[in-house]
Amino acid sequence: MIKARVTVTLKNGVLDPQGKAIVGALGSLGFDGVNSVRQGKVFDVVLETTDKAQAETELKAMCEKLLANTVIEDYSFDIA
């Protein structure tokens, strides 16, 4: 089995209202040095295969088809 962590974040230039709200909340909690926050998603995926190349192909397809909206989001994955 192969374990992977997929990280999905908004592309640069795409407005991130949640990130902006987090910056404001952190400021009100006394964390004044935070200039920006980009909010994202993390998926931990376990694949039945032991073939790393097959896992990479499957993870890319998962991201392209479901996990990320590639119009406005970027994705990356790390295989453990």
C-alpha atoms as a PDB file:
ATOM      1  CA  MET A   1       0.000   0.000   0.000  1.00  0.00           C
ATOM      2  CA  ILE A   2       1.077   3.536  -0.715  1.00  0.00           C
ATOM      3  CA  LYS A   3       0.113   6.526   1.404  1.00  0.00           C
ATOM      4  CA  ALA A   4      -0.031   9.987  -0.109  1.00  0.00           C
ATOM      5  CA  ARG A   5      -0.909  13.481   1.050  1.00  0.00           C
ATOM      6  CA  VAL A   6      -2.591  15.733  -1.509  1.00  0.00           C
ATOM      7  CA  THR A   7      -2.535  19.495  -0.893  1.00  0.00           C
ATOM      8  CA  VAL A   8      -4.905  21.768  -2.816  1.00  0.00           C
ATOM      9  CA  THR A   9      -4.568  25.561  -2.670  1.00  0.00           C
ATOM     10  CA  LEU A  10      -6.009  28.486  -4.565  1.00  0.00           C
ATOM     11  CA  LYS A  11      -3.864  29.740  -7.428  1.00  0.00           C
ATOM     12  CA  ASN A  12      -2.009  33.022  -6.972  1.00  0.00           C
ATOM     13  CA  GLY A  13      -4.245  35.879  -8.020  1.00  0.00           C
ATOM     14  CA  VAL A  14      -7.480  34.119  -7.018  1.00  0.00           C
ATOM     15  CA  LEU A  15      -9.230  35.966  -4.202  1.00  0.00           C
ATOM     16  CA  ASP A  16      -9.246  34.053  -0.925  1.00  0.00           C
ATOM     17  CA  PRO A  17     -11.973  35.516   1.341  1.00  0.00           C
ATOM     18  CA  GLN A  18     -11.447  32.820   3.984  1.00  0.00           C
ATOM     19  CA  GLY A  19      -7.733  33.607   4.111  1.00  0.00           C
ATOM     20  CA  LYS A  20      -8.511  37.299   4.479  1.00  0.00           C
ATOM     21  CA  ALA A  21     -10.953  36.554   7.328  1.00  0.00           C
ATOM     22  CA  ILE A  22      -8.308  34.442   9.062  1.00  0.00           C
ATOM     23  CA  VAL A  23      -5.787  37.294   8.847  1.00  0.00           C
ATOM     24  CA  GLY A  24      -8.346  39.600  10.498  1.00  0.00           C
ATOM     25  CA  ALA A  25      -9.125  37.064  13.213  1.00  0.00           C
ATOM     26  CA  LEU A  26      -5.445  36.483  13.940  1.00  0.00           C
ATOM     27  CA  GLY A  27      -4.925  40.248  14.212  1.00  0.00           C
ATOM     28  CA  SER A  28      -7.759  40.519  16.722  1.00  0.00           C
ATOM     29  CA  LEU A  29      -6.105  37.750  18.746  1.00  0.00           C
ATOM     30  CA  GLY A  30      -2.882  39.734  18.938  1.00  0.00           C
ATOM     31  CA  PHE A  31      -0.965  38.133  16.055  1.00  0.00           C
ATOM     32  CA  ASP A  32      -0.199  41.410  14.305  1.00  0.00           C
ATOM     33  CA  GLY A  33       2.699  40.211  12.137  1.00  0.00           C
ATOM     34  CA  VAL A  34       0.571  38.102   9.768  1.00  0.00           C
ATOM     35  CA  ASN A  35       0.312  39.750   6.339  1.00  0.00           C
ATOM     36  CA  SER A  36      -1.553  37.056   4.430  1.00  0.00           C
ATOM     37  CA  VAL A  37      -3.033  33.575   4.742  1.00  0.00           C
ATOM     38  CA  ARG A  38      -3.957  31.233   1.903  1.00  0.00           C
ATOM     39  CA  GLN A  39      -6.545  28.648   2.869  1.00  0.00           C
ATOM     40  CA  GLY A  40      -6.458  25.174   1.307  1.00  0.00           C
ATOM     41  CA  LYS A  41      -7.430  21.522   1.631  1.00  0.00           C
ATOM     42  CA  VAL A  42      -5.462  18.403   2.547  1.00  0.00           C
ATOM     43  CA  PHE A  43      -6.413  14.844   1.605  1.00  0.00           C
ATOM     44  CA  ASP A  44      -4.691  11.735   2.978  1.00  0.00           C
ATOM     45  CA  VAL A  45      -5.094   8.935   0.440  1.00  0.00           C
ATOM     46  CA  VAL A  46      -4.158   5.262   0.816  1.00  0.00           C
ATOM     47  CA  LEU A  47      -3.770   3.325  -2.437  1.00  0.00           C
ATOM     48  CA  GLU A  48      -3.756  -0.457  -2.749  1.00  0.00           C
ATOM     49  CA  THR A  49      -0.852  -0.452  -5.213  1.00  0.00           C
ATOM     50  CA  THR A  50       2.837  -0.730  -4.369  1.00  0.00           C
ATOM     51  CA  ASP A  51       3.872   0.714  -7.750  1.00  0.00           C
ATOM     52  CA  LYS A  52       4.958   4.331  -7.223  1.00  0.00           C
ATOM     53  CA  ALA A  53       4.543   5.281 -10.901  1.00  0.00           C
ATOM     54  CA  GLN A  54       1.001   3.888 -10.944  1.00  0.00           C
ATOM     55  CA  ALA A  55       0.220   5.733  -7.702  1.00  0.00           C
ATOM     56  CA  GLU A  56       1.440   9.031  -9.195  1.00  0.00           C
ATOM     57  CA  THR A  57      -0.717   8.489 -12.299  1.00  0.00           C
ATOM     58  CA  GLU A  58      -3.776   7.693 -10.203  1.00  0.00           C
ATOM     59  CA  LEU A  59      -3.237  10.634  -7.839  1.00  0.00           C
ATOM     60  CA  LYS A  60      -2.885  13.048 -10.746  1.00  0.00           C
ATOM     61  CA  ALA A  61      -6.135  11.729 -12.255  1.00  0.00           C
ATOM     62  CA  MET A  62      -7.920  12.039  -8.883  1.00  0.00           C
ATOM     63  CA  CYS A  63      -6.794  15.638  -8.544  1.00  0.00           C
ATOM     64  CA  GLU A  64      -7.701  16.557 -12.122  1.00  0.00           C
ATOM     65  CA  LYS A  65     -11.139  14.911 -11.971  1.00  0.00           C
ATOM     66  CA  LEU A  66     -12.345  15.512  -8.399  1.00  0.00           C
ATOM     67  CA  LEU A  67     -10.055  16.780  -5.657  1.00  0.00           C
ATOM     68  CA  ALA A  68      -9.056  20.099  -7.258  1.00  0.00           C
ATOM     69  CA  ASN A  69     -10.839  22.640  -9.413  1.00  0.00           C
ATOM     70  CA  THR A  70      -7.886  23.168 -11.726  1.00  0.00           C
ATOM     71  CA  VAL A  71      -9.321  26.416 -13.089  1.00  0.00           C
ATOM     72  CA  ILE A  72      -8.723  28.169  -9.757  1.00  0.00           C
ATOM     73  CA  GLU A  73      -6.699  25.676  -7.681  1.00  0.00           C
ATOM     74  CA  ASP A  74      -3.225  24.167  -7.754  1.00  0.00           C
ATOM     75  CA  TYR A  75      -2.429  20.771  -6.275  1.00  0.00           C
ATOM     76  CA  SER A  76       0.601  18.804  -5.208  1.00  0.00           C
ATOM     77  CA  PHE A  77       1.090  15.423  -3.593  1.00  0.00           C
ATOM     78  CA  ASP A  78       3.742  13.674  -1.570  1.00  0.00           C
ATOM     79  CA  ILE A  79       4.039   9.908  -1.498  1.00  0.00           C
ATOM     80  CA  ALA A  80       5.192   8.425   1.809  1.00  0.00           C
END
